[in-house]
Protein backbone atom coordinates (compact mmCIF):
# COMPACT_ATOMS: atom_id res chain seq x y z
CA MET A 1 -74.57 96.29 31.07
CA ALA A 2 -75.92 95.29 27.66
CA GLU A 3 -72.36 94.84 26.34
CA LYS A 4 -71.49 92.55 29.27
CA ILE A 5 -74.58 90.41 28.65
CA HIS A 6 -73.76 90.26 24.94
CA LYS A 7 -70.21 89.03 25.69
CA LYS A 8 -71.50 86.42 28.18
CA LEU A 9 -74.07 85.26 25.62
CA GLN A 10 -71.32 84.71 23.05
CA ASP A 11 -69.14 82.86 25.57
CA THR A 12 -72.07 80.64 26.56
CA PHE A 13 -73.38 79.81 23.07
CA ARG A 14 -70.15 79.63 21.06
CA PRO A 15 -69.52 75.97 22.06
CA ALA A 16 -73.05 75.08 20.86
CA GLU A 17 -72.52 76.58 17.40
CA PRO A 18 -71.56 73.24 15.71
CA LEU A 19 -74.91 71.81 16.84
CA VAL A 20 -76.66 73.91 14.21
CA ALA A 21 -74.73 72.24 11.36
CA GLN A 22 -75.45 68.86 12.99
CA GLY A 23 -79.19 69.51 12.74
CA VAL A 24 -79.93 69.72 16.47
CA TRP A 25 -82.13 72.76 15.84
CA SER A 26 -83.55 71.46 12.56
CA GLY A 27 -86.97 72.87 13.42
CA HIS A 28 -85.53 76.38 13.20
CA LYS A 29 -84.99 78.28 9.96
CA PRO A 30 -82.23 80.80 9.23
CA GLY A 31 -83.01 83.98 11.15
CA ASP A 32 -85.04 82.20 13.87
CA ARG A 33 -84.18 83.39 17.38
CA LEU A 34 -83.02 80.86 19.95
CA VAL A 35 -82.59 83.32 22.82
CA ASN A 36 -83.64 86.91 23.33
CA TYR A 37 -82.67 89.24 26.16
CA VAL A 38 -84.13 92.66 26.81
CA VAL A 39 -82.28 95.13 29.03
CA ALA A 40 -84.51 98.05 29.96
CA GLY A 41 -84.25 100.85 32.45
CA TYR A 42 -83.73 104.55 32.98
CA THR A 43 -80.78 106.85 33.36
CA LYS A 44 -79.99 107.73 36.99
CA ASN A 45 -82.21 110.83 36.93
CA PHE A 46 -85.17 108.91 35.38
CA LYS A 47 -85.25 111.44 32.53
CA ARG A 48 -84.47 109.07 29.67
CA PRO A 49 -85.53 105.43 29.28
CA TYR A 50 -83.48 102.90 27.39
CA ILE A 51 -84.20 99.49 25.88
CA PHE A 52 -81.51 97.21 24.44
CA GLU A 53 -82.12 93.94 22.61
CA ILE A 54 -79.56 91.11 22.56
CA GLY A 55 -80.06 87.72 20.95
CA VAL A 56 -78.81 84.55 19.34
CA GLU A 57 -80.28 83.26 16.10
CA ILE A 58 -79.60 80.69 13.40
CA ASN A 59 -77.31 82.23 10.75
CA ARG A 60 -78.24 82.73 7.08
CA ASN A 61 -76.39 79.60 5.94
CA ASN A 62 -78.12 77.44 8.58
CA ASP A 63 -74.72 76.16 9.74
CA GLY A 64 -73.97 78.32 12.78
CA LEU A 65 -75.17 81.11 15.05
CA SER A 66 -75.43 84.87 14.71
CA PHE A 67 -75.05 86.99 17.85
CA ILE A 68 -77.36 90.00 17.67
CA GLY A 69 -76.95 93.28 19.45
CA PRO A 70 -76.91 95.15 21.54
CA ILE A 71 -79.53 96.98 19.52
CA HIS A 72 -80.63 100.25 21.14
CA HIS A 73 -84.35 100.91 20.63
CA GLN A 74 -84.62 104.70 20.74
CA LYS A 75 -88.23 105.52 19.86
CA PRO A 76 -89.91 107.97 22.25
CA LEU A 77 -92.18 106.49 24.90
CA PRO A 78 -94.77 105.20 25.07
CA GLN A 79 -93.91 102.54 22.52
CA ASN A 80 -94.60 98.91 21.84
CA VAL A 81 -91.44 96.85 21.59
CA ARG A 82 -91.89 93.21 20.62
CA PHE A 83 -89.20 90.56 20.79
CA GLY A 84 -89.25 86.91 19.82
CA GLU A 85 -92.01 84.94 18.19
CA ASP A 86 -94.82 87.27 17.14
CA HIS A 87 -96.47 86.02 13.94
CA PHE A 88 -99.72 84.88 15.54
CA TYR A 89 -100.09 87.67 18.06
CA GLU A 90 -99.59 90.25 15.32
CA ARG A 91 -102.52 88.59 13.54
CA ALA A 92 -104.58 88.73 16.77
CA ASP A 93 -103.70 92.39 17.26
CA ALA A 94 -104.80 93.06 13.65
CA GLY A 95 -108.20 91.47 14.37
CA LEU A 96 -107.65 88.38 12.21
CA GLU A 97 -109.35 85.10 13.07
CA PRO A 98 -109.02 82.67 14.72
CA GLU A 99 -106.16 84.42 16.57
CA HIS A 100 -108.26 87.41 17.66
CA SER A 101 -110.88 85.18 19.33
CA VAL A 102 -108.16 83.24 21.16
CA TRP A 103 -106.71 86.57 22.35
CA GLU A 104 -110.11 87.71 23.63
CA SER A 105 -110.71 84.44 25.50
CA SER A 106 -107.15 84.49 26.91
CA MET A 107 -107.69 88.00 28.29
CA ASP A 108 -111.04 86.93 29.74
CA ALA A 109 -109.31 83.99 31.45
CA VAL A 110 -106.72 86.17 33.25
CA ARG A 111 -108.83 89.29 33.95
CA ALA A 112 -109.98 88.37 37.46
CA GLU A 113 -106.49 87.34 38.54
CA VAL A 114 -104.90 90.49 37.08
CA ASN A 115 -107.46 92.69 38.85
CA GLN A 116 -106.95 90.83 42.14
CA ASP A 117 -103.15 90.65 42.06
CA LEU A 118 -102.75 94.20 40.75
CA SER A 119 -105.59 95.89 42.62
CA ASN A 120 -103.33 98.82 43.63
CA VAL A 121 -102.06 99.33 40.08
CA PRO A 122 -103.79 101.90 37.83
CA GLN A 123 -106.42 100.41 35.51
CA PRO A 124 -104.59 101.35 32.27
CA LEU A 125 -101.55 99.35 33.37
CA ARG A 126 -103.73 96.39 34.38
CA LEU A 127 -105.29 96.43 30.90
CA LEU A 128 -101.81 96.42 29.33
CA VAL A 129 -100.80 93.42 31.45
CA GLU A 130 -104.01 91.61 30.53
CA GLY A 131 -103.52 92.30 26.82
CA THR A 132 -99.84 91.36 26.83
CA VAL A 133 -100.45 88.10 28.69
CA GLY A 134 -103.27 87.37 26.24
CA LEU A 135 -101.02 87.96 23.22
CA ILE A 136 -98.30 85.67 24.57
CA LYS A 137 -100.94 83.02 25.23
CA VAL A 138 -102.05 83.38 21.57
CA GLU A 139 -98.53 82.76 20.34
CA ALA A 140 -98.18 79.77 22.70
CA HIS A 141 -101.49 78.35 21.45
CA PHE A 142 -100.58 78.51 17.75
CA ASN A 143 -96.81 78.07 18.07
CA PRO A 144 -96.32 75.64 21.01
CA GLN A 145 -93.05 74.21 19.71
CA LYS A 146 -91.36 77.61 20.20
CA VAL A 147 -93.42 79.41 22.86
CA GLY A 148 -94.28 78.10 26.32
CA SER A 149 -97.74 78.63 27.78
CA LYS A 150 -96.60 80.10 31.13
CA VAL A 151 -96.30 83.90 31.26
CA ASN A 152 -94.37 85.64 34.04
CA VAL A 153 -95.00 89.32 34.73
CA VAL A 154 -92.86 91.53 36.96
CA LEU A 155 -93.67 95.17 37.69
CA ILE A 156 -91.30 97.41 39.64
CA ASP A 157 -92.56 100.73 40.99
CA ARG A 158 -89.76 103.17 40.24
CA ASN A 159 -90.71 105.43 43.16
CA THR A 160 -91.07 102.88 45.96
CA ARG A 161 -88.98 100.09 44.37
CA SER A 162 -91.70 97.62 45.36
CA VAL A 163 -91.89 94.52 43.18
CA LEU A 164 -95.03 92.72 42.02
CA SER A 165 -94.55 89.34 40.39
CA MET A 166 -97.15 86.92 39.08
CA ALA A 167 -97.42 83.98 36.69
CA PHE A 168 -100.30 83.16 34.36
């Protein structure tokens, strides 16, 4: 599946490659990601998880695109895997100000909604959702030209296949 998405990504973005040399994405530096896809799941028997990363970024010469992936992230679970813009939320996670205070207030702002919308979800998972939404909100606050302020969360119960979806 990841290989098919990678091929489609190349087919879709290849015609846009000259736009880089024309300065259309002049706000982006070499190595900046334009698009990131994450393909995650389990093998059929749910014994082994997998996470693949696929992306498009500005090339080193700042005159075209580089097509990244699929990169197979193979660390044992649980693990934190971060994709995309993360400079400011890494600072928040490290306790640095003012990012850490924005993270705290962002988590406070979504806590009631997370607890209401996910009332049947175990507390540790609710805390992870709250923290993740808060970190994305931090990045959106300090990096609004690259990160939107709306955060969509989808949880799928692998036993019942029920889907929970919410936006913050």
